[in-house]
Amino acid sequence: FLLLDSMDPSEDGANQPAEEALSSVALEDADGYMNYL
């Protein structure tokens, strides 16, 4: 699937429903979390 240009996601099972949306983390969020810990 990775190497053959002729294969699209639907042919390799890669076109599955997307995973749940991930929380976006900005730098201030990471700094705040570490300061809290």
PDB file of all heavy atoms in Angstrom:
ATOM      1  N   PHE A   1       0.837  -1.210   0.000  1.00  0.00           N
ATOM      2  CA  PHE A   1       0.000   0.000   0.000  1.00  0.00           C
ATOM      3  C   PHE A   1       0.868   1.255   0.000  1.00  0.00           C
ATOM      4  O   PHE A   1       0.577   2.232  -0.705  1.00  0.00           O
ATOM      5  CB  PHE A   1      -0.902   0.004   1.228  1.00  0.00           C
ATOM      6  CG  PHE A   1      -1.524   1.347   1.510  1.00  0.00           C
ATOM      7  CD1 PHE A   1      -2.536   1.853   0.711  1.00  0.00           C
ATOM      8  CD2 PHE A   1      -1.080   2.130   2.573  1.00  0.00           C
ATOM      9  CE1 PHE A   1      -3.088   3.096   0.959  1.00  0.00           C
ATOM     10  CE2 PHE A   1      -1.627   3.370   2.829  1.00  0.00           C
ATOM     11  CZ  PHE A   1      -2.642   3.858   2.022  1.00  0.00           C
ATOM     12  N   LEU A   2       1.963   1.228   0.754  1.00  0.00           N
ATOM     13  CA  LEU A   2       2.828   2.406   0.839  1.00  0.00           C
ATOM     14  C   LEU A   2       3.604   2.649  -0.449  1.00  0.00           C
ATOM     15  O   LEU A   2       3.795   3.794  -0.857  1.00  0.00           O
ATOM     16  CB  LEU A   2       3.799   2.262   2.015  1.00  0.00           C
ATOM     17  CG  LEU A   2       3.194   2.284   3.430  1.00  0.00           C
ATOM     18  CD1 LEU A   2       4.274   1.974   4.463  1.00  0.00           C
ATOM     19  CD2 LEU A   2       2.543   3.623   3.732  1.00  0.00           C
ATOM     20  N   LEU A   3       4.033   1.557  -1.089  1.00  0.00           N
ATOM     21  CA  LEU A   3       4.970   1.688  -2.213  1.00  0.00           C
ATOM     22  C   LEU A   3       4.306   1.706  -3.581  1.00  0.00           C
ATOM     23  O   LEU A   3       4.854   2.273  -4.530  1.00  0.00           O
ATOM     24  CB  LEU A   3       6.004   0.558  -2.159  1.00  0.00           C
ATOM     25  CG  LEU A   3       6.915   0.573  -0.924  1.00  0.00           C
ATOM     26  CD1 LEU A   3       7.797  -0.665  -0.899  1.00  0.00           C
ATOM     27  CD2 LEU A   3       7.771   1.835  -0.919  1.00  0.00           C
ATOM     28  N   LEU A   4       3.138   1.082  -3.702  1.00  0.00           N
ATOM     29  CA  LEU A   4       2.487   1.009  -5.013  1.00  0.00           C
ATOM     30  C   LEU A   4       1.578   2.216  -5.216  1.00  0.00           C
ATOM     31  O   LEU A   4       0.596   2.391  -4.495  1.00  0.00           O
ATOM     32  CB  LEU A   4       1.680  -0.283  -5.134  1.00  0.00           C
ATOM     33  CG  LEU A   4       2.500  -1.585  -5.069  1.00  0.00           C
ATOM     34  CD1 LEU A   4       1.586  -2.798  -5.174  1.00  0.00           C
ATOM     35  CD2 LEU A   4       3.547  -1.603  -6.182  1.00  0.00           C
ATOM     36  N   ASP A   5       1.895   3.032  -6.196  1.00  0.00           N
ATOM     37  CA  ASP A   5       1.100   4.229  -6.449  1.00  0.00           C
ATOM     38  C   ASP A   5      -0.316   3.894  -6.878  1.00  0.00           C
ATOM     39  O   ASP A   5      -1.239   4.706  -6.734  1.00  0.00           O
ATOM     40  CB  ASP A   5       1.754   5.089  -7.543  1.00  0.00           C
ATOM     41  CG  ASP A   5       3.115   5.628  -7.102  1.00  0.00           C
ATOM     42  OD1 ASP A   5       3.397   5.556  -5.878  1.00  0.00           O
ATOM     43  OD2 ASP A   5       3.877   6.106  -7.968  1.00  0.00           O
ATOM     44  N   SER A   6      -0.493   2.683  -7.392  1.00  0.00           N
ATOM     45  CA  SER A   6      -1.810   2.309  -7.916  1.00  0.00           C
ATOM     46  C   SER A   6      -2.805   1.984  -6.808  1.00  0.00           C
ATOM     47  O   SER A   6      -4.005   1.919  -7.053  1.00  0.00           O
ATOM     48  CB  SER A   6      -1.681   1.093  -8.844  1.00  0.00           C
ATOM     49  OG  SER A   6      -1.109  -0.004  -8.142  1.00  0.00           O
ATOM     50  N   MET A   7      -2.315   1.766  -5.570  1.00  0.00           N
ATOM     51  CA  MET A   7      -3.209   1.394  -4.469  1.00  0.00           C
ATOM     52  C   MET A   7      -3.649   2.638  -3.710  1.00  0.00           C
ATOM     53  O   MET A   7      -2.838   3.497  -3.361  1.00  0.00           O
ATOM     54  CB  MET A   7      -2.501   0.440  -3.494  1.00  0.00           C
ATOM     55  CG  MET A   7      -2.250  -0.942  -4.065  1.00  0.00           C
ATOM     56  SD  MET A   7      -1.598  -2.099  -2.831  1.00  0.00           S
ATOM     57  CE  MET A   7      -3.001  -2.271  -1.738  1.00  0.00           C
ATOM     58  N   ASP A   8      -4.971   2.738  -3.485  1.00  0.00           N
ATOM     59  CA  ASP A   8      -5.474   3.845  -2.671  1.00  0.00           C
ATOM     60  C   ASP A   8      -5.890   3.299  -1.310  1.00  0.00           C
ATOM     61  O   ASP A   8      -5.919   2.080  -1.106  1.00  0.00           O
ATOM     62  CB  ASP A   8      -6.638   4.565  -3.379  1.00  0.00           C
ATOM     63  CG  ASP A   8      -7.816   3.640  -3.638  1.00  0.00           C
ATOM     64  OD1 ASP A   8      -8.062   2.743  -2.803  1.00  0.00           O
ATOM     65  OD2 ASP A   8      -8.488   3.812  -4.669  1.00  0.00           O
ATOM     66  N   PRO A   9      -6.237   4.142  -0.355  1.00  0.00           N
ATOM     67  CA  PRO A   9      -6.544   3.683   0.999  1.00  0.00           C
ATOM     68  C   PRO A   9      -7.633   2.637   1.078  1.00  0.00           C
ATOM     69  O   PRO A   9      -7.563   1.723   1.910  1.00  0.00           O
ATOM     70  CB  PRO A   9      -6.971   4.975   1.705  1.00  0.00           C
ATOM     71  CG  PRO A   9      -6.234   6.046   0.988  1.00  0.00           C
ATOM     72  CD  PRO A   9      -6.195   5.612  -0.449  1.00  0.00           C
ATOM     73  N   SER A  10      -8.637   2.702   0.241  1.00  0.00           N
ATOM     74  CA  SER A  10      -9.744   1.753   0.328  1.00  0.00           C
ATOM     75  C   SER A  10      -9.307   0.329  -0.003  1.00  0.00           C
ATOM     76  O   SER A  10      -9.948  -0.631   0.401  1.00  0.00           O
ATOM     77  CB  SER A  10     -10.869   2.174  -0.620  1.00  0.00           C
ATOM     78  OG  SER A  10     -10.401   2.171  -1.961  1.00  0.00           O
ATOM     79  N   GLU A  11      -8.203   0.181  -0.725  1.00  0.00           N
ATOM     80  CA  GLU A  11      -7.758  -1.149  -1.121  1.00  0.00           C
ATOM     81  C   GLU A  11      -6.927  -1.841  -0.038  1.00  0.00           C
ATOM     82  O   GLU A  11      -6.668  -3.014  -0.115  1.00  0.00           O
ATOM     83  CB  GLU A  11      -6.916  -1.056  -2.401  1.00  0.00           C
ATOM     84  CG  GLU A  11      -7.687  -0.578  -3.617  1.00  0.00           C
ATOM     85  CD  GLU A  11      -6.778  -0.496  -4.840  1.00  0.00           C
ATOM     86  OE1 GLU A  11      -6.458  -1.559  -5.417  1.00  0.00           O
ATOM     87  OE2 GLU A  11      -6.371   0.618  -5.194  1.00  0.00           O
ATOM     88  N   ASP A  12      -6.531  -1.095   1.000  1.00  0.00           N
ATOM     89  CA  ASP A  12      -5.699  -1.700   2.033  1.00  0.00           C
ATOM     90  C   ASP A  12      -6.330  -1.598   3.406  1.00  0.00           C
ATOM     91  O   ASP A  12      -5.699  -1.871   4.415  1.00  0.00           O
ATOM     92  CB  ASP A  12      -4.316  -1.029   2.066  1.00  0.00           C
ATOM     93  CG  ASP A  12      -3.289  -1.892   2.793  1.00  0.00           C
ATOM     94  OD1 ASP A  12      -2.966  -2.967   2.279  1.00  0.00           O
ATOM     95  OD2 ASP A  12      -2.853  -1.480   3.885  1.00  0.00           O
ATOM     96  N   GLY A  13      -7.579  -1.208   3.447  1.00  0.00           N
ATOM     97  CA  GLY A  13      -8.241  -1.104   4.741  1.00  0.00           C
ATOM     98  C   GLY A  13      -7.816   0.112   5.531  1.00  0.00           C
ATOM     99  O   GLY A  13      -8.159   0.246   6.700  1.00  0.00           O
ATOM    100  N   ALA A  14      -7.060   0.998   4.895  1.00  0.00           N
ATOM    101  CA  ALA A  14      -6.599   2.173   5.628  1.00  0.00           C
ATOM    102  C   ALA A  14      -7.667   3.254   5.708  1.00  0.00           C
ATOM    103  O   ALA A  14      -7.570   4.159   6.514  1.00  0.00           O
ATOM    104  CB  ALA A  14      -5.354   2.752   4.949  1.00  0.00           C
ATOM    105  N   ASN A  15      -8.677   3.127   4.837  1.00  0.00           N
ATOM    106  CA  ASN A  15      -9.712   4.164   4.811  1.00  0.00           C
ATOM    107  C   ASN A  15     -10.834   3.831   5.794  1.00  0.00           C
ATOM    108  O   ASN A  15     -11.991   3.719   5.432  1.00  0.00           O
ATOM    109  CB  ASN A  15     -10.268   4.294   3.394  1.00  0.00           C
ATOM    110  CG  ASN A  15     -11.066   5.555   3.218  1.00  0.00           C
ATOM    111  OD1 ASN A  15     -10.861   6.513   3.916  1.00  0.00           O
ATOM    112  ND2 ASN A  15     -12.004   5.515   2.268  1.00  0.00           N
ATOM    113  N   GLN A  16     -10.456   3.628   7.046  1.00  0.00           N
ATOM    114  CA  GLN A  16     -11.422   3.324   8.088  1.00  0.00           C
ATOM    115  C   GLN A  16     -11.873   4.626   8.722  1.00  0.00           C
ATOM    116  O   GLN A  16     -11.246   5.672   8.540  1.00  0.00           O
ATOM    117  CB  GLN A  16     -10.788   2.402   9.128  1.00  0.00           C
ATOM    118  CG  GLN A  16     -10.369   1.067   8.541  1.00  0.00           C
ATOM    119  CD  GLN A  16      -9.605   0.246   9.551  1.00  0.00           C
ATOM    120  OE1 GLN A  16      -9.338   0.686  10.656  1.00  0.00           O
ATOM    121  NE2 GLN A  16      -9.237  -0.954   9.156  1.00  0.00           N
ATOM    122  N   PRO A  17     -12.956   4.581   9.526  1.00  0.00           N
ATOM    123  CA  PRO A  17     -13.409   5.808  10.175  1.00  0.00           C
ATOM    124  C   PRO A  17     -12.297   6.411  11.014  1.00  0.00           C
ATOM    125  O   PRO A  17     -11.550   5.703  11.676  1.00  0.00           O
ATOM    126  CB  PRO A  17     -14.568   5.315  11.073  1.00  0.00           C
ATOM    127  CG  PRO A  17     -15.064   4.080  10.379  1.00  0.00           C
ATOM    128  CD  PRO A  17     -13.854   3.450   9.788  1.00  0.00           C
ATOM    129  N   ALA A  18     -12.185   7.702  10.961  1.00  0.00           N
ATOM    130  CA  ALA A  18     -11.120   8.371  11.704  1.00  0.00           C
ATOM    131  C   ALA A  18     -11.291   8.172  13.200  1.00  0.00           C
ATOM    132  O   ALA A  18     -12.397   7.989  13.704  1.00  0.00           O
ATOM    133  CB  ALA A  18     -11.127   9.869  11.389  1.00  0.00           C
ATOM    134  N   GLU A  19     -10.195   8.213  13.930  1.00  0.00           N
ATOM    135  CA  GLU A  19     -10.236   8.075  15.371  1.00  0.00           C
ATOM    136  C   GLU A  19     -10.882   9.321  15.960  1.00  0.00           C
ATOM    137  O   GLU A  19     -11.054  10.347  15.312  1.00  0.00           O
ATOM    138  CB  GLU A  19      -8.816   7.888  15.913  1.00  0.00           C
ATOM    139  CG  GLU A  19      -8.147   6.645  15.404  1.00  0.00           C
ATOM    140  CD  GLU A  19      -6.745   6.506  15.982  1.00  0.00           C
ATOM    141  OE1 GLU A  19      -6.351   7.368  16.787  1.00  0.00           O
ATOM    142  OE2 GLU A  19      -6.068   5.550  15.611  1.00  0.00           O
ATOM    143  N   GLU A  20     -11.258   9.263  17.232  1.00  0.00           N
ATOM    144  CA  GLU A  20     -11.869  10.393  17.895  1.00  0.00           C
ATOM    145  C   GLU A  20     -10.929  11.597  17.835  1.00  0.00           C
ATOM    146  O   GLU A  20      -9.713  11.471  17.784  1.00  0.00           O
ATOM    147  CB  GLU A  20     -12.162  10.034  19.347  1.00  0.00           C
ATOM    148  CG  GLU A  20     -10.926   9.642  20.117  1.00  0.00           C
ATOM    149  CD  GLU A  20     -11.252   9.127  21.496  1.00  0.00           C
ATOM    150  OE1 GLU A  20     -11.500   7.919  21.600  1.00  0.00           O
ATOM    151  OE2 GLU A  20     -11.246   9.918  22.442  1.00  0.00           O
ATOM    152  N   ALA A  21     -11.529  12.783  17.809  1.00  0.00           N
ATOM    153  CA  ALA A  21     -10.737  13.996  17.709  1.00  0.00           C
ATOM    154  C   ALA A  21      -9.814  14.119  18.918  1.00  0.00           C
ATOM    155  O   ALA A  21     -10.207  13.841  20.053  1.00  0.00           O
ATOM    156  CB  ALA A  21     -11.664  15.205  17.626  1.00  0.00           C
ATOM    157  N   LEU A  22      -8.583  14.535  18.654  1.00  0.00           N
ATOM    158  CA  LEU A  22      -7.603  14.668  19.718  1.00  0.00           C
ATOM    159  C   LEU A  22      -7.616  16.089  20.275  1.00  0.00           C
ATOM    160  O   LEU A  22      -7.874  17.049  19.556  1.00  0.00           O
ATOM    161  CB  LEU A  22      -6.205  14.334  19.192  1.00  0.00           C
ATOM    162  CG  LEU A  22      -6.018  12.945  18.590  1.00  0.00           C
ATOM    163  CD1 LEU A  22      -4.584  12.776  18.111  1.00  0.00           C
ATOM    164  CD2 LEU A  22      -6.355  11.865  19.602  1.00  0.00           C
ATOM    165  N   SER A  23      -7.329  16.186  21.569  1.00  0.00           N
ATOM    166  CA  SER A  23      -7.241  17.502  22.195  1.00  0.00           C
ATOM    167  C   SER A  23      -5.980  18.197  21.706  1.00  0.00           C
ATOM    168  O   SER A  23      -4.900  17.606  21.693  1.00  0.00           O
ATOM    169  CB  SER A  23      -7.204  17.357  23.719  1.00  0.00           C
ATOM    170  OG  SER A  23      -8.374  16.725  24.192  1.00  0.00           O
ATOM    171  N   SER A  24      -6.118  19.447  21.321  1.00  0.00           N
ATOM    172  CA  SER A  24      -4.973  20.215  20.855  1.00  0.00           C
ATOM    173  C   SER A  24      -4.263  20.846  22.049  1.00  0.00           C
ATOM    174  O   SER A  24      -4.907  21.419  22.940  1.00  0.00           O
ATOM    175  CB  SER A  24      -5.436  21.297  19.880  1.00  0.00           C
ATOM    176  OG  SER A  24      -4.337  22.063  19.432  1.00  0.00           O
ATOM    177  N   VAL A  25      -2.951  20.729  22.087  1.00  0.00           N
ATOM    178  CA  VAL A  25      -2.163  21.215  23.217  1.00  0.00           C
ATOM    179  C   VAL A  25      -1.222  22.315  22.739  1.00  0.00           C
ATOM    180  O   VAL A  25      -0.356  22.081  21.889  1.00  0.00           O
ATOM    181  CB  VAL A  25      -1.347  20.077  23.855  1.00  0.00           C
ATOM    182  CG1 VAL A  25      -0.447  20.620  24.952  1.00  0.00           C
ATOM    183  CG2 VAL A  25      -2.285  19.015  24.415  1.00  0.00           C
ATOM    184  N   ALA A  26      -1.388  23.515  23.274  1.00  0.00           N
ATOM    185  CA  ALA A  26      -0.504  24.632  22.976  1.00  0.00           C
ATOM    186  C   ALA A  26       0.617  24.667  24.009  1.00  0.00           C
ATOM    187  O   ALA A  26       0.562  23.981  25.038  1.00  0.00           O
ATOM    188  CB  ALA A  26      -1.281  25.944  22.989  1.00  0.00           C
ATOM    189  N   LEU A  27       1.621  25.474  23.760  1.00  0.00           N
ATOM    190  CA  LEU A  27       2.777  25.545  24.657  1.00  0.00           C
ATOM    191  C   LEU A  27       2.375  26.020  26.051  1.00  0.00           C
ATOM    192  O   LEU A  27       2.871  25.504  27.054  1.00  0.00           O
ATOM    193  CB  LEU A  27       3.836  26.477  24.065  1.00  0.00           C
ATOM    194  CG  LEU A  27       5.147  26.603  24.863  1.00  0.00           C
ATOM    195  CD1 LEU A  27       5.795  25.238  25.057  1.00  0.00           C
ATOM    196  CD2 LEU A  27       6.112  27.547  24.152  1.00  0.00           C
ATOM    197  N   GLU A  28       1.451  26.985  26.120  1.00  0.00           N
ATOM    198  CA  GLU A  28       1.031  27.473  27.433  1.00  0.00           C
ATOM    199  C   GLU A  28       0.287  26.395  28.219  1.00  0.00           C
ATOM    200  O   GLU A  28       0.350  26.363  29.460  1.00  0.00           O
ATOM    201  CB  GLU A  28       0.165  28.730  27.317  1.00  0.00           C
ATOM    202  CG  GLU A  28      -1.037  28.606  26.398  1.00  0.00           C
ATOM    203  CD  GLU A  28      -0.734  29.043  24.972  1.00  0.00           C
ATOM    204  OE1 GLU A  28       0.442  28.971  24.556  1.00  0.00           O
ATOM    205  OE2 GLU A  28      -1.679  29.459  24.272  1.00  0.00           O
ATOM    206  N   ASP A  29      -0.426  25.501  27.517  1.00  0.00           N
ATOM    207  CA  ASP A  29      -1.102  24.388  28.181  1.00  0.00           C
ATOM    208  C   ASP A  29      -0.084  23.436  28.798  1.00  0.00           C
ATOM    209  O   ASP A  29      -0.241  22.999  29.940  1.00  0.00           O
ATOM    210  CB  ASP A  29      -1.986  23.624  27.190  1.00  0.00           C
ATOM    211  CG  ASP A  29      -3.088  24.487  26.613  1.00  0.00           C
ATOM    212  OD1 ASP A  29      -3.606  25.342  27.347  1.00  0.00           O
ATOM    213  OD2 ASP A  29      -3.429  24.305  25.428  1.00  0.00           O
ATOM    214  N   ALA A  30       0.953  23.108  28.023  1.00  0.00           N
ATOM    215  CA  ALA A  30       1.982  22.193  28.513  1.00  0.00           C
ATOM    216  C   ALA A  30       2.737  22.798  29.693  1.00  0.00           C
ATOM    217  O   ALA A  30       2.993  22.117  30.696  1.00  0.00           O
ATOM    218  CB  ALA A  30       2.957  21.852  27.380  1.00  0.00           C
ATOM    219  N   ASP A  31       3.076  24.078  29.603  1.00  0.00           N
ATOM    220  CA  ASP A  31       3.779  24.739  30.706  1.00  0.00           C
ATOM    221  C   ASP A  31       2.908  24.793  31.954  1.00  0.00           C
ATOM    222  O   ASP A  31       3.380  24.557  33.072  1.00  0.00           O
ATOM    223  CB  ASP A  31       4.182  26.161  30.299  1.00  0.00           C
ATOM    224  CG  ASP A  31       5.411  26.171  29.398  1.00  0.00           C
ATOM    225  OD1 ASP A  31       6.158  25.168  29.399  1.00  0.00           O
ATOM    226  OD2 ASP A  31       5.623  27.168  28.687  1.00  0.00           O
ATOM    227  N   GLY A  32       1.637  25.116  31.778  1.00  0.00           N
ATOM    228  CA  GLY A  32       0.716  25.170  32.916  1.00  0.00           C
ATOM    229  C   GLY A  32       0.570  23.817  33.591  1.00  0.00           C
ATOM    230  O   GLY A  32       0.526  23.723  34.823  1.00  0.00           O
ATOM    231  N   TYR A  33       0.499  22.776  32.790  1.00  0.00           N
ATOM    232  CA  TYR A  33       0.359  21.427  33.334  1.00  0.00           C
ATOM    233  C   TYR A  33       1.595  21.028  34.134  1.00  0.00           C
ATOM    234  O   TYR A  33       1.488  20.488  35.240  1.00  0.00           O
ATOM    235  CB  TYR A  33       0.126  20.445  32.185  1.00  0.00           C
ATOM    236  CG  TYR A  33      -0.029  19.002  32.614  1.00  0.00           C
ATOM    237  CD1 TYR A  33      -1.052  18.615  33.467  1.00  0.00           C
ATOM    238  CD2 TYR A  33       0.847  18.018  32.141  1.00  0.00           C
ATOM    239  CE1 TYR A  33      -1.200  17.291  33.853  1.00  0.00           C
ATOM    240  CE2 TYR A  33       0.695  16.700  32.512  1.00  0.00           C
ATOM    241  CZ  TYR A  33      -0.327  16.345  33.369  1.00  0.00           C
ATOM    242  OH  TYR A  33      -0.463  15.030  33.752  1.00  0.00           O
ATOM    243  N   MET A  34       2.779  21.304  33.599  1.00  0.00           N
ATOM    244  CA  MET A  34       4.013  20.946  34.301  1.00  0.00           C
ATOM    245  C   MET A  34       4.183  21.780  35.570  1.00  0.00           C
ATOM    246  O   MET A  34       4.672  21.268  36.591  1.00  0.00           O
ATOM    247  CB  MET A  34       5.219  21.114  33.377  1.00  0.00           C
ATOM    248  CG  MET A  34       5.272  20.105  32.234  1.00  0.00           C
ATOM    249  SD  MET A  34       5.043  18.383  32.759  1.00  0.00           S
ATOM    250  CE  MET A  34       6.309  18.195  34.004  1.00  0.00           C
ATOM    251  N   ASN A  35       3.799  23.044  35.538  1.00  0.00           N
ATOM    252  CA  ASN A  35       3.864  23.875  36.748  1.00  0.00           C
ATOM    253  C   ASN A  35       2.907  23.352  37.815  1.00  0.00           C
ATOM    254  O   ASN A  35       3.228  23.360  39.013  1.00  0.00           O
ATOM    255  CB  ASN A  35       3.524  25.331  36.415  1.00  0.00           C
ATOM    256  CG  ASN A  35       4.594  25.988  35.560  1.00  0.00           C
ATOM    257  OD1 ASN A  35       5.744  25.563  35.561  1.00  0.00           O
ATOM    258  ND2 ASN A  35       4.217  27.017  34.819  1.00  0.00           N
ATOM    259  N   TYR A  36       1.738  22.899  37.378  1.00  0.00           N
ATOM    260  CA  TYR A  36       0.772  22.310  38.316  1.00  0.00           C
ATOM    261  C   TYR A  36       1.341  21.052  38.964  1.00  0.00           C
ATOM    262  O   TYR A  36       1.236  20.868  40.183  1.00  0.00           O
ATOM    263  CB  TYR A  36      -0.526  21.991  37.577  1.00  0.00           C
ATOM    264  CG  TYR A  36      -1.501  21.168  38.382  1.00  0.00           C
ATOM    265  CD1 TYR A  36      -2.333  21.761  39.326  1.00  0.00           C
ATOM    266  CD2 TYR A  36      -1.581  19.784  38.223  1.00  0.00           C
ATOM    267  CE1 TYR A  36      -3.218  21.009  40.078  1.00  0.00           C
ATOM    268  CE2 TYR A  36      -2.455  19.020  38.962  1.00  0.00           C
ATOM    269  CZ  TYR A  36      -3.276  19.632  39.903  1.00  0.00           C
ATOM    270  OH  TYR A  36      -4.137  18.876  40.647  1.00  0.00           O
ATOM    271  N   LEU A  37       1.975  20.191  38.159  1.00  0.00           N
ATOM    272  CA  LEU A  37       2.547  18.950  38.702  1.00  0.00           C
ATOM    273  C   LEU A  37       3.723  19.247  39.637  1.00  0.00           C
ATOM    274  O   LEU A  37       3.901  18.556  40.650  1.00  0.00           O
ATOM    275  CB  LEU A  37       3.008  18.044  37.564  1.00  0.00           C
ATOM    276  CG  LEU A  37       1.914  17.393  36.714  1.00  0.00           C
ATOM    277  CD1 LEU A  37       2.536  16.461  35.685  1.00  0.00           C
ATOM    278  CD2 LEU A  37       0.924  16.618  37.587  1.00  0.00           C
TER     279      LEU A  37
END
